[in-house]
């Protein structure tokens, strides 16, 4: 029986980079979960790899058909952006384990949908100054940088990922992500141990 490993952390903490590195560990046999979003595609992102980019009409159709496992909606300065995981066959915990990136709210939804024991949250942290610099550097690459949205997200993270909320989520695995290669190695070792029952 497989498990769903969920990498959680504030924006620009390196979650996506870690997920890519962990998926390269063939001994872990993890399958990616490509989530969906209604936000515009960013420079360098690829459809079906980073996200499935969809319209609001497609989103509402999936919601009406009860295909959405978890949903995160953000009232950005550019309107509402939705990020969500769909029951589209990617996650089959009877036959394999999956890896995805999420939030504390999505963690609750995954636990409710699949069962508490099948979900393994992995929290990654980075110093706030370093996170902000990473976010700025990434945003500068955009054709039309959205610095106001970056600031909104940064401030929202401070509240969303308070120590109290992290404690309530009962997250056992926490990693400082100063060096993504080293952090990926540490997480891979934990997952291997978890898969082997120790």
N, C-alpha and C. Protein backbone atom coordinates (compact mmCIF):
# COMPACT_ATOMS: atom_id res chain seq x y z
N UNK A 1 0.84 -1.19 0.00
CA UNK A 1 0.00 0.00 0.00
C UNK A 1 0.88 1.25 0.00
N UNK A 2 0.52 2.22 -0.81
CA UNK A 2 1.32 3.43 -0.92
C UNK A 2 0.87 4.52 0.03
N UNK A 3 1.63 5.61 0.02
CA UNK A 3 1.32 6.78 0.82
C UNK A 3 1.44 8.02 -0.06
N UNK A 4 0.84 9.10 0.41
CA UNK A 4 0.96 10.38 -0.26
C UNK A 4 1.86 11.26 0.59
N UNK A 5 3.05 11.57 0.07
CA UNK A 5 4.00 12.45 0.75
C UNK A 5 3.75 13.87 0.27
N UNK A 6 3.52 14.79 1.23
CA UNK A 6 3.13 16.16 0.91
C UNK A 6 4.19 17.13 1.43
N UNK A 7 4.87 17.82 0.52
CA UNK A 7 5.85 18.82 0.92
C UNK A 7 5.12 20.14 1.16
N UNK A 8 5.33 20.69 2.36
CA UNK A 8 4.62 21.89 2.79
C UNK A 8 5.63 22.94 3.22
N UNK A 9 5.32 24.20 2.96
CA UNK A 9 6.18 25.29 3.40
C UNK A 9 5.68 26.61 2.85
N UNK A 10 6.27 27.67 3.35
CA UNK A 10 5.91 29.01 2.88
C UNK A 10 6.36 29.18 1.44
N UNK A 11 5.85 30.22 0.79
CA UNK A 11 6.24 30.48 -0.59
C UNK A 11 7.74 30.73 -0.68
N UNK A 12 8.34 30.26 -1.77
CA UNK A 12 9.78 30.42 -2.05
C UNK A 12 10.66 29.69 -1.03
N UNK A 13 10.14 28.63 -0.43
CA UNK A 13 10.96 27.83 0.49
C UNK A 13 11.62 26.65 -0.22
N UNK A 14 11.39 26.53 -1.53
CA UNK A 14 12.06 25.50 -2.32
C UNK A 14 11.29 24.20 -2.44
N UNK A 15 9.99 24.25 -2.24
CA UNK A 15 9.17 23.03 -2.27
C UNK A 15 9.21 22.34 -3.64
N UNK A 16 9.03 23.10 -4.71
CA UNK A 16 9.00 22.50 -6.05
C UNK A 16 10.36 21.93 -6.44
N UNK A 17 11.42 22.63 -6.08
CA UNK A 17 12.77 22.14 -6.37
C UNK A 17 13.01 20.82 -5.64
N UNK A 18 12.63 20.76 -4.37
CA UNK A 18 12.80 19.52 -3.61
C UNK A 18 11.97 18.39 -4.20
N UNK A 19 10.75 18.71 -4.62
CA UNK A 19 9.90 17.67 -5.21
C UNK A 19 10.55 17.09 -6.46
N UNK A 20 11.10 17.95 -7.32
CA UNK A 20 11.77 17.47 -8.53
C UNK A 20 12.96 16.57 -8.19
N UNK A 21 13.73 16.98 -7.22
CA UNK A 21 14.90 16.18 -6.82
C UNK A 21 14.48 14.83 -6.23
N UNK A 22 13.44 14.82 -5.41
CA UNK A 22 12.98 13.57 -4.80
C UNK A 22 12.42 12.61 -5.84
N UNK A 23 11.77 13.15 -6.85
CA UNK A 23 11.23 12.29 -7.91
C UNK A 23 12.34 11.63 -8.72
N UNK A 24 13.53 12.20 -8.68
CA UNK A 24 14.68 11.62 -9.38
C UNK A 24 15.27 10.42 -8.62
N UNK A 25 14.91 10.25 -7.35
CA UNK A 25 15.39 9.10 -6.58
C UNK A 25 14.57 7.88 -7.00
N UNK A 26 15.08 7.11 -7.94
CA UNK A 26 14.33 5.97 -8.48
C UNK A 26 14.06 4.91 -7.43
N UNK A 27 14.92 4.80 -6.41
CA UNK A 27 14.72 3.78 -5.37
C UNK A 27 13.47 4.06 -4.54
N UNK A 28 13.00 5.30 -4.55
CA UNK A 28 11.80 5.64 -3.78
C UNK A 28 10.52 5.29 -4.53
N UNK A 29 10.59 5.19 -5.85
CA UNK A 29 9.45 4.87 -6.69
C UNK A 29 8.24 5.76 -6.37
N UNK A 30 8.49 7.07 -6.37
CA UNK A 30 7.42 8.04 -6.12
C UNK A 30 6.88 8.55 -7.45
N UNK A 31 5.58 8.73 -7.51
CA UNK A 31 4.96 9.29 -8.71
C UNK A 31 4.50 10.71 -8.41
N UNK A 32 4.70 11.61 -9.36
CA UNK A 32 4.30 13.00 -9.11
C UNK A 32 2.78 13.17 -9.20
N UNK A 33 2.31 14.19 -8.53
CA UNK A 33 0.92 14.62 -8.67
C UNK A 33 0.97 16.01 -9.28
N UNK A 34 0.48 16.15 -10.49
CA UNK A 34 0.43 17.46 -11.13
C UNK A 34 -0.90 18.09 -10.76
N UNK A 35 -0.82 19.17 -9.99
CA UNK A 35 -2.04 19.84 -9.55
C UNK A 35 -2.52 20.81 -10.62
N UNK A 36 -3.68 21.37 -10.39
CA UNK A 36 -4.34 22.26 -11.34
C UNK A 36 -4.36 23.69 -10.78
N UNK A 37 -4.39 24.66 -11.68
CA UNK A 37 -4.53 26.04 -11.24
C UNK A 37 -5.27 26.86 -12.30
N UNK A 38 -5.94 27.91 -11.82
CA UNK A 38 -6.60 28.84 -12.73
C UNK A 38 -5.76 30.11 -12.90
N UNK A 39 -4.62 30.18 -12.24
CA UNK A 39 -3.78 31.38 -12.40
C UNK A 39 -3.04 31.34 -13.73
N UNK A 40 -2.58 32.49 -14.21
CA UNK A 40 -1.86 32.52 -15.49
C UNK A 40 -0.53 31.77 -15.39
N UNK A 41 -0.10 31.20 -16.48
CA UNK A 41 1.17 30.49 -16.54
C UNK A 41 2.32 31.51 -16.42
N UNK A 42 3.37 31.12 -15.69
CA UNK A 42 4.54 31.99 -15.54
C UNK A 42 5.60 31.60 -16.55
N UNK A 43 6.51 32.51 -16.77
CA UNK A 43 7.63 32.27 -17.68
C UNK A 43 8.40 31.04 -17.20
N UNK A 44 8.66 30.11 -18.12
CA UNK A 44 9.43 28.92 -17.79
C UNK A 44 8.59 27.74 -17.34
N UNK A 45 7.31 27.97 -17.02
CA UNK A 45 6.45 26.87 -16.59
C UNK A 45 5.94 26.10 -17.81
N UNK A 46 5.65 24.81 -17.58
CA UNK A 46 5.16 23.97 -18.66
C UNK A 46 3.84 23.32 -18.27
N UNK A 47 2.89 23.36 -19.17
CA UNK A 47 1.60 22.70 -18.98
C UNK A 47 1.83 21.20 -18.78
N UNK A 48 1.18 20.65 -17.76
CA UNK A 48 1.27 19.22 -17.50
C UNK A 48 2.50 18.81 -16.73
N UNK A 49 3.40 19.76 -16.51
CA UNK A 49 4.61 19.46 -15.75
C UNK A 49 4.61 20.23 -14.43
N UNK A 50 4.48 21.56 -14.54
CA UNK A 50 4.41 22.38 -13.33
C UNK A 50 2.99 22.36 -12.75
N UNK A 51 2.02 22.56 -13.61
CA UNK A 51 0.60 22.52 -13.27
C UNK A 51 -0.18 22.12 -14.51
N UNK A 52 -1.46 21.80 -14.30
CA UNK A 52 -2.41 21.79 -15.39
C UNK A 52 -3.09 23.15 -15.30
N UNK A 53 -2.89 24.00 -16.30
CA UNK A 53 -3.47 25.33 -16.30
C UNK A 53 -4.85 25.24 -16.95
N UNK A 54 -5.86 25.71 -16.23
CA UNK A 54 -7.22 25.57 -16.75
C UNK A 54 -8.02 26.85 -16.59
N UNK A 55 -9.12 26.89 -17.28
CA UNK A 55 -10.00 28.06 -17.22
C UNK A 55 -10.93 27.92 -16.01
N UNK A 56 -11.59 29.02 -15.68
CA UNK A 56 -12.57 28.98 -14.59
C UNK A 56 -13.73 28.06 -14.94
N UNK A 57 -14.11 28.01 -16.21
CA UNK A 57 -15.19 27.13 -16.64
C UNK A 57 -14.82 25.66 -16.40
N UNK A 58 -13.57 25.29 -16.75
CA UNK A 58 -13.11 23.92 -16.51
C UNK A 58 -13.08 23.61 -15.02
N UNK A 59 -12.63 24.58 -14.23
CA UNK A 59 -12.60 24.41 -12.77
C UNK A 59 -14.00 24.14 -12.24
N UNK A 60 -14.98 24.94 -12.64
CA UNK A 60 -16.33 24.77 -12.13
C UNK A 60 -16.95 23.46 -12.59
N UNK A 61 -16.61 23.01 -13.78
CA UNK A 61 -17.11 21.71 -14.25
C UNK A 61 -16.58 20.58 -13.38
N UNK A 62 -15.27 20.62 -13.07
CA UNK A 62 -14.69 19.58 -12.20
C UNK A 62 -15.28 19.64 -10.80
N UNK A 63 -15.54 20.85 -10.33
CA UNK A 63 -16.13 20.99 -8.99
C UNK A 63 -17.54 20.44 -8.96
N UNK A 64 -18.32 20.74 -9.97
CA UNK A 64 -19.69 20.24 -10.05
C UNK A 64 -19.73 18.72 -10.15
N UNK A 65 -18.72 18.14 -10.80
CA UNK A 65 -18.64 16.68 -10.95
C UNK A 65 -17.95 16.00 -9.77
N UNK A 66 -17.68 16.78 -8.69
CA UNK A 66 -17.08 16.26 -7.46
C UNK A 66 -15.75 15.55 -7.70
N UNK A 67 -14.93 16.13 -8.57
CA UNK A 67 -13.62 15.58 -8.90
C UNK A 67 -12.49 16.22 -8.10
N UNK A 68 -12.79 17.28 -7.36
CA UNK A 68 -11.74 18.01 -6.65
C UNK A 68 -11.52 17.42 -5.26
N UNK A 69 -10.28 17.00 -5.01
CA UNK A 69 -9.89 16.41 -3.72
C UNK A 69 -9.63 17.49 -2.69
N UNK A 70 -8.89 18.49 -3.10
CA UNK A 70 -8.57 19.62 -2.21
C UNK A 70 -8.48 20.87 -3.04
N UNK A 71 -8.81 22.00 -2.41
CA UNK A 71 -8.87 23.27 -3.12
C UNK A 71 -8.33 24.38 -2.23
N UNK A 72 -7.47 25.21 -2.83
CA UNK A 72 -6.96 26.41 -2.16
C UNK A 72 -7.29 27.59 -3.05
N UNK A 73 -8.08 28.51 -2.55
CA UNK A 73 -8.45 29.71 -3.32
C UNK A 73 -7.83 30.93 -2.66
N UNK A 74 -7.20 31.76 -3.46
CA UNK A 74 -6.54 32.96 -2.95
C UNK A 74 -7.11 34.19 -3.62
N UNK A 75 -7.51 35.16 -2.80
CA UNK A 75 -7.98 36.44 -3.33
C UNK A 75 -6.76 37.31 -3.54
N UNK A 76 -6.19 37.23 -4.72
CA UNK A 76 -4.98 37.99 -5.04
C UNK A 76 -5.35 39.39 -5.50
N UNK A 77 -4.34 40.20 -5.68
CA UNK A 77 -4.59 41.55 -6.19
C UNK A 77 -5.01 41.49 -7.66
N UNK A 78 -4.93 40.32 -8.28
CA UNK A 78 -5.34 40.13 -9.68
C UNK A 78 -6.61 39.30 -9.80
N UNK A 79 -7.31 39.13 -8.70
CA UNK A 79 -8.52 38.33 -8.70
C UNK A 79 -8.29 37.00 -8.00
N UNK A 80 -9.29 36.15 -8.03
CA UNK A 80 -9.19 34.86 -7.34
C UNK A 80 -8.40 33.85 -8.18
N UNK A 81 -7.40 33.24 -7.56
CA UNK A 81 -6.62 32.18 -8.18
C UNK A 81 -6.88 30.90 -7.40
N UNK A 82 -7.17 29.84 -8.10
CA UNK A 82 -7.46 28.55 -7.48
C UNK A 82 -6.34 27.56 -7.78
N UNK A 83 -5.96 26.81 -6.76
CA UNK A 83 -5.01 25.72 -6.90
C UNK A 83 -5.72 24.48 -6.34
N UNK A 84 -5.67 23.37 -7.06
CA UNK A 84 -6.44 22.22 -6.58
C UNK A 84 -5.89 20.90 -7.11
N UNK A 85 -6.22 19.85 -6.38
CA UNK A 85 -5.85 18.49 -6.77
C UNK A 85 -7.12 17.78 -7.22
N UNK A 86 -7.02 17.08 -8.34
CA UNK A 86 -8.19 16.44 -8.94
C UNK A 86 -8.07 14.93 -8.86
N UNK A 87 -9.20 14.29 -8.62
CA UNK A 87 -9.27 12.82 -8.66
C UNK A 87 -9.34 12.42 -10.13
N UNK A 88 -8.15 12.37 -10.76
CA UNK A 88 -8.06 12.10 -12.20
C UNK A 88 -7.24 10.84 -12.48
N UNK A 89 -7.01 10.01 -11.44
CA UNK A 89 -6.27 8.77 -11.63
C UNK A 89 -4.80 8.84 -11.29
N UNK A 90 -4.28 10.04 -11.04
CA UNK A 90 -2.86 10.16 -10.71
C UNK A 90 -2.52 9.50 -9.37
N UNK A 91 -3.40 9.65 -8.41
CA UNK A 91 -3.16 9.12 -7.07
C UNK A 91 -3.91 7.79 -6.92
N UNK A 92 -3.13 6.71 -6.78
CA UNK A 92 -3.70 5.37 -6.57
C UNK A 92 -2.88 4.70 -5.48
N UNK A 93 -3.22 4.98 -4.24
CA UNK A 93 -2.42 4.52 -3.11
C UNK A 93 -2.52 3.02 -2.89
N UNK A 94 -3.39 2.34 -3.62
CA UNK A 94 -3.43 0.88 -3.55
C UNK A 94 -2.27 0.26 -4.32
N UNK A 95 -1.71 1.02 -5.26
CA UNK A 95 -0.66 0.44 -6.10
C UNK A 95 0.69 1.16 -6.03
N UNK A 96 0.73 2.43 -5.58
CA UNK A 96 2.00 3.13 -5.53
C UNK A 96 1.91 4.33 -4.58
N UNK A 97 3.08 4.95 -4.31
CA UNK A 97 3.15 6.16 -3.50
C UNK A 97 3.28 7.36 -4.41
N UNK A 98 2.77 8.49 -3.94
CA UNK A 98 2.83 9.74 -4.69
C UNK A 98 3.53 10.81 -3.88
N UNK A 99 3.98 11.84 -4.60
CA UNK A 99 4.59 13.02 -3.98
C UNK A 99 3.92 14.26 -4.55
N UNK A 100 3.56 15.19 -3.67
CA UNK A 100 2.96 16.44 -4.12
C UNK A 100 3.41 17.58 -3.22
N UNK A 101 3.10 18.78 -3.63
CA UNK A 101 3.36 19.99 -2.85
C UNK A 101 2.02 20.53 -2.39
N UNK A 102 1.95 20.97 -1.13
CA UNK A 102 0.66 21.45 -0.62
C UNK A 102 0.81 22.51 0.46
N UNK A 103 -0.30 22.73 1.16
CA UNK A 103 -0.37 23.69 2.26
C UNK A 103 -0.96 22.97 3.47
N UNK A 104 -1.03 23.69 4.58
CA UNK A 104 -1.65 23.09 5.76
C UNK A 104 -3.13 22.78 5.51
N UNK A 105 -3.80 23.64 4.75
CA UNK A 105 -5.21 23.38 4.43
C UNK A 105 -5.37 22.17 3.52
N UNK A 106 -4.50 22.06 2.51
CA UNK A 106 -4.60 20.90 1.62
C UNK A 106 -4.29 19.62 2.38
N UNK A 107 -3.40 19.70 3.36
CA UNK A 107 -3.08 18.54 4.20
C UNK A 107 -4.34 18.00 4.87
N UNK A 108 -5.15 18.89 5.41
CA UNK A 108 -6.41 18.47 6.06
C UNK A 108 -7.32 17.76 5.06
N UNK A 109 -7.41 18.31 3.85
CA UNK A 109 -8.28 17.71 2.83
C UNK A 109 -7.77 16.35 2.39
N UNK A 110 -6.45 16.22 2.21
CA UNK A 110 -5.88 14.93 1.84
C UNK A 110 -6.16 13.88 2.91
N UNK A 111 -6.00 14.26 4.18
CA UNK A 111 -6.25 13.32 5.28
C UNK A 111 -7.70 12.89 5.31
N UNK A 112 -8.60 13.83 5.07
CA UNK A 112 -10.03 13.51 5.06
C UNK A 112 -10.38 12.59 3.89
N UNK A 113 -9.77 12.82 2.74
CA UNK A 113 -10.11 12.08 1.52
C UNK A 113 -9.51 10.68 1.52
N UNK A 114 -8.22 10.56 1.91
CA UNK A 114 -7.52 9.28 1.82
C UNK A 114 -7.36 8.55 3.14
N UNK A 115 -7.52 9.26 4.25
CA UNK A 115 -7.29 8.65 5.57
C UNK A 115 -6.00 9.20 6.16
N UNK A 116 -6.05 9.47 7.45
CA UNK A 116 -4.93 10.12 8.15
C UNK A 116 -3.62 9.37 7.98
N UNK A 117 -3.67 8.04 8.12
CA UNK A 117 -2.45 7.22 8.13
C UNK A 117 -1.76 7.13 6.77
N UNK A 118 -2.45 7.52 5.71
CA UNK A 118 -1.87 7.41 4.37
C UNK A 118 -1.15 8.69 3.91
N UNK A 119 -1.22 9.73 4.74
CA UNK A 119 -0.64 11.03 4.37
C UNK A 119 0.57 11.33 5.25
N UNK A 120 1.70 11.66 4.61
CA UNK A 120 2.92 11.99 5.35
C UNK A 120 3.34 13.42 4.99
N UNK A 121 3.09 14.39 5.91
CA UNK A 121 3.49 15.77 5.64
C UNK A 121 4.98 15.99 5.92
N UNK A 122 5.62 16.78 5.06
CA UNK A 122 7.04 17.11 5.20
C UNK A 122 7.15 18.63 5.14
N UNK A 123 7.53 19.25 6.25
CA UNK A 123 7.57 20.71 6.31
C UNK A 123 9.00 21.21 6.06
N UNK A 124 9.16 22.12 5.10
CA UNK A 124 10.48 22.69 4.80
C UNK A 124 10.48 24.18 5.14
N UNK A 125 11.60 24.62 5.71
CA UNK A 125 11.72 26.00 6.18
C UNK A 125 12.96 26.67 5.60
N UNK A 126 12.86 27.97 5.41
CA UNK A 126 13.97 28.80 4.97
C UNK A 126 13.85 30.13 5.70
N UNK A 127 14.98 30.73 6.05
CA UNK A 127 15.00 32.05 6.68
C UNK A 127 14.16 33.02 5.84
N UNK A 128 13.37 33.86 6.52
CA UNK A 128 12.46 34.76 5.81
C UNK A 128 13.18 35.71 4.85
N UNK A 129 14.35 36.19 5.24
CA UNK A 129 15.10 37.08 4.35
C UNK A 129 15.52 36.38 3.06
N UNK A 130 15.98 35.15 3.21
CA UNK A 130 16.38 34.36 2.04
C UNK A 130 15.16 34.04 1.17
N UNK A 131 14.04 33.71 1.80
CA UNK A 131 12.81 33.43 1.06
C UNK A 131 12.37 34.63 0.24
N UNK A 132 12.40 35.80 0.87
CA UNK A 132 11.98 37.02 0.19
C UNK A 132 12.89 37.32 -1.00
N UNK A 133 14.20 37.11 -0.82
CA UNK A 133 15.13 37.34 -1.93
C UNK A 133 14.87 36.37 -3.08
N UNK A 134 14.62 35.10 -2.74
CA UNK A 134 14.31 34.10 -3.78
C UNK A 134 13.06 34.51 -4.55
N UNK A 135 12.04 34.95 -3.80
CA UNK A 135 10.78 35.33 -4.44
C UNK A 135 10.98 36.55 -5.35
N UNK A 136 11.77 37.51 -4.89
CA UNK A 136 12.05 38.70 -5.71
C UNK A 136 12.80 38.32 -6.98
N UNK A 137 13.82 37.47 -6.82
CA UNK A 137 14.60 37.04 -7.98
C UNK A 137 13.73 36.32 -9.00
N UNK A 138 12.82 35.47 -8.50
CA UNK A 138 11.93 34.74 -9.41
C UNK A 138 10.96 35.69 -10.11
N UNK A 139 10.42 36.64 -9.36
CA UNK A 139 9.43 37.56 -9.92
C UNK A 139 10.05 38.47 -10.98
N UNK A 140 11.33 38.83 -10.80
CA UNK A 140 12.02 39.68 -11.76
C UNK A 140 12.11 39.04 -13.14
N UNK A 141 12.02 37.71 -13.19
CA UNK A 141 12.12 36.99 -14.47
C UNK A 141 10.84 37.12 -15.29
N UNK A 142 9.76 37.53 -14.64
CA UNK A 142 8.47 37.62 -15.32
C UNK A 142 8.43 38.82 -16.26
N UNK A 143 7.66 38.68 -17.34
CA UNK A 143 7.50 39.78 -18.29
C UNK A 143 6.86 40.98 -17.60
N UNK A 144 5.86 40.70 -16.75
CA UNK A 144 5.20 41.75 -15.96
C UNK A 144 5.24 41.33 -14.50
N UNK A 145 6.31 41.67 -13.78
CA UNK A 145 6.43 41.26 -12.37
C UNK A 145 5.24 41.74 -11.53
N UNK A 146 4.79 40.87 -10.65
CA UNK A 146 3.65 41.18 -9.79
C UNK A 146 4.14 41.30 -8.34
N UNK A 147 4.86 42.38 -8.06
CA UNK A 147 5.46 42.55 -6.73
C UNK A 147 4.42 42.72 -5.64
N UNK A 148 3.29 43.34 -5.99
CA UNK A 148 2.25 43.52 -4.98
C UNK A 148 1.69 42.17 -4.53
N UNK A 149 1.52 41.25 -5.47
CA UNK A 149 1.03 39.91 -5.12
C UNK A 149 2.08 39.14 -4.32
N UNK A 150 3.34 39.33 -4.67
CA UNK A 150 4.43 38.69 -3.92
C UNK A 150 4.38 39.13 -2.45
N UNK A 151 4.20 40.41 -2.22
CA UNK A 151 4.14 40.93 -0.85
C UNK A 151 2.91 40.41 -0.10
N UNK A 152 1.77 40.36 -0.78
CA UNK A 152 0.56 39.83 -0.15
C UNK A 152 0.77 38.39 0.29
N UNK A 153 1.37 37.58 -0.60
CA UNK A 153 1.59 36.17 -0.31
C UNK A 153 2.60 35.99 0.84
N UNK A 154 3.65 36.80 0.82
CA UNK A 154 4.68 36.72 1.87
C UNK A 154 4.07 36.99 3.24
N UNK A 155 3.26 38.04 3.35
CA UNK A 155 2.65 38.40 4.62
C UNK A 155 1.60 37.37 5.05
N UNK A 156 0.85 36.83 4.09
CA UNK A 156 -0.16 35.82 4.42
C UNK A 156 0.49 34.56 4.98
N UNK A 157 1.67 34.21 4.44
CA UNK A 157 2.38 33.02 4.92
C UNK A 157 2.73 33.11 6.40
N UNK A 158 3.06 34.32 6.86
CA UNK A 158 3.44 34.49 8.26
C UNK A 158 2.31 34.05 9.18
N UNK A 159 1.10 34.31 8.78
CA UNK A 159 -0.06 33.93 9.58
C UNK A 159 -0.44 32.48 9.34
N UNK A 160 -0.48 32.08 8.08
CA UNK A 160 -0.90 30.72 7.74
C UNK A 160 0.00 29.66 8.36
N UNK A 161 1.32 29.94 8.37
CA UNK A 161 2.28 28.96 8.88
C UNK A 161 2.82 29.33 10.25
N UNK A 162 1.93 29.80 11.10
CA UNK A 162 2.33 30.10 12.48
C UNK A 162 2.71 28.79 13.17
N UNK A 163 3.53 28.89 14.21
CA UNK A 163 3.93 27.68 14.95
C UNK A 163 2.71 26.95 15.52
N UNK A 164 1.69 27.71 15.91
CA UNK A 164 0.48 27.08 16.44
C UNK A 164 -0.20 26.24 15.37
N UNK A 165 -0.30 26.77 14.14
CA UNK A 165 -0.93 26.02 13.05
C UNK A 165 -0.12 24.79 12.66
N UNK A 166 1.20 24.92 12.68
CA UNK A 166 2.06 23.78 12.37
C UNK A 166 1.89 22.69 13.43
N UNK A 167 1.82 23.10 14.68
CA UNK A 167 1.64 22.14 15.78
C UNK A 167 0.29 21.43 15.66
N UNK A 168 -0.75 22.19 15.34
CA UNK A 168 -2.09 21.60 15.20
C UNK A 168 -2.13 20.58 14.06
N UNK A 169 -1.30 20.79 13.04
CA UNK A 169 -1.28 19.88 11.89
C UNK A 169 -0.52 18.59 12.19
N UNK A 170 0.12 18.52 13.35
CA UNK A 170 0.86 17.31 13.77
C UNK A 170 1.87 16.87 12.72
N UNK A 171 2.73 17.79 12.37
CA UNK A 171 3.78 17.50 11.39
C UNK A 171 5.01 16.99 12.13
N UNK A 172 5.43 15.79 11.80
CA UNK A 172 6.57 15.16 12.47
C UNK A 172 7.90 15.49 11.81
N UNK A 173 7.90 15.71 10.50
CA UNK A 173 9.14 15.88 9.76
C UNK A 173 9.32 17.33 9.33
N UNK A 174 10.39 17.97 9.86
CA UNK A 174 10.71 19.36 9.53
C UNK A 174 12.16 19.45 9.08
N UNK A 175 12.41 20.21 8.03
CA UNK A 175 13.75 20.33 7.47
C UNK A 175 14.08 21.78 7.15
N UNK A 176 15.30 22.20 7.51
CA UNK A 176 15.82 23.50 7.09
C UNK A 176 16.37 23.32 5.68
N UNK A 177 15.89 24.11 4.74
CA UNK A 177 16.26 23.94 3.34
C UNK A 177 17.26 25.00 2.89
N UNK A 178 18.49 24.93 3.42
CA UNK A 178 19.55 25.86 3.01
C UNK A 178 20.26 25.34 1.75
N UNK A 179 20.35 24.02 1.62
CA UNK A 179 21.01 23.38 0.49
C UNK A 179 20.04 22.31 -0.03
N UNK A 180 19.44 22.55 -1.18
CA UNK A 180 18.38 21.65 -1.65
C UNK A 180 18.87 20.23 -1.90
N UNK A 181 20.12 20.06 -2.33
CA UNK A 181 20.64 18.70 -2.54
C UNK A 181 20.72 17.94 -1.22
N UNK A 182 21.26 18.59 -0.20
CA UNK A 182 21.39 17.96 1.11
C UNK A 182 20.01 17.69 1.73
N UNK A 183 19.12 18.67 1.61
CA UNK A 183 17.77 18.51 2.16
C UNK A 183 17.05 17.37 1.46
N UNK A 184 17.18 17.28 0.13
CA UNK A 184 16.56 16.18 -0.62
C UNK A 184 17.09 14.83 -0.15
N UNK A 185 18.39 14.74 0.11
CA UNK A 185 18.99 13.49 0.61
C UNK A 185 18.38 13.11 1.96
N UNK A 186 18.24 14.09 2.85
CA UNK A 186 17.68 13.82 4.18
C UNK A 186 16.23 13.36 4.08
N UNK A 187 15.46 14.02 3.24
CA UNK A 187 14.05 13.64 3.08
C UNK A 187 13.95 12.27 2.41
N UNK A 188 14.79 12.01 1.41
CA UNK A 188 14.77 10.71 0.73
C UNK A 188 15.06 9.59 1.72
N UNK A 189 16.00 9.81 2.63
CA UNK A 189 16.33 8.79 3.64
C UNK A 189 15.14 8.55 4.55
N UNK A 190 14.44 9.62 4.92
CA UNK A 190 13.26 9.47 5.77
C UNK A 190 12.17 8.68 5.04
N UNK A 191 11.91 9.02 3.78
CA UNK A 191 10.88 8.33 3.01
C UNK A 191 11.23 6.85 2.84
N UNK A 192 12.50 6.56 2.55
CA UNK A 192 12.93 5.17 2.40
C UNK A 192 12.67 4.40 3.69
N UNK A 193 13.03 5.01 4.82
CA UNK A 193 12.77 4.37 6.11
C UNK A 193 11.29 4.16 6.36
N UNK A 194 10.48 5.16 5.99
CA UNK A 194 9.03 5.07 6.17
C UNK A 194 8.46 3.94 5.31
N UNK A 195 8.95 3.83 4.07
CA UNK A 195 8.47 2.79 3.17
C UNK A 195 8.86 1.39 3.67
N UNK A 196 10.00 1.32 4.34
CA UNK A 196 10.47 0.02 4.86
C UNK A 196 9.97 -0.27 6.27
N UNK A 197 9.19 0.66 6.82
CA UNK A 197 8.58 0.42 8.13
C UNK A 197 9.47 0.69 9.32
N UNK A 198 10.45 1.59 9.14
CA UNK A 198 11.28 1.97 10.32
C UNK A 198 11.66 3.43 10.26
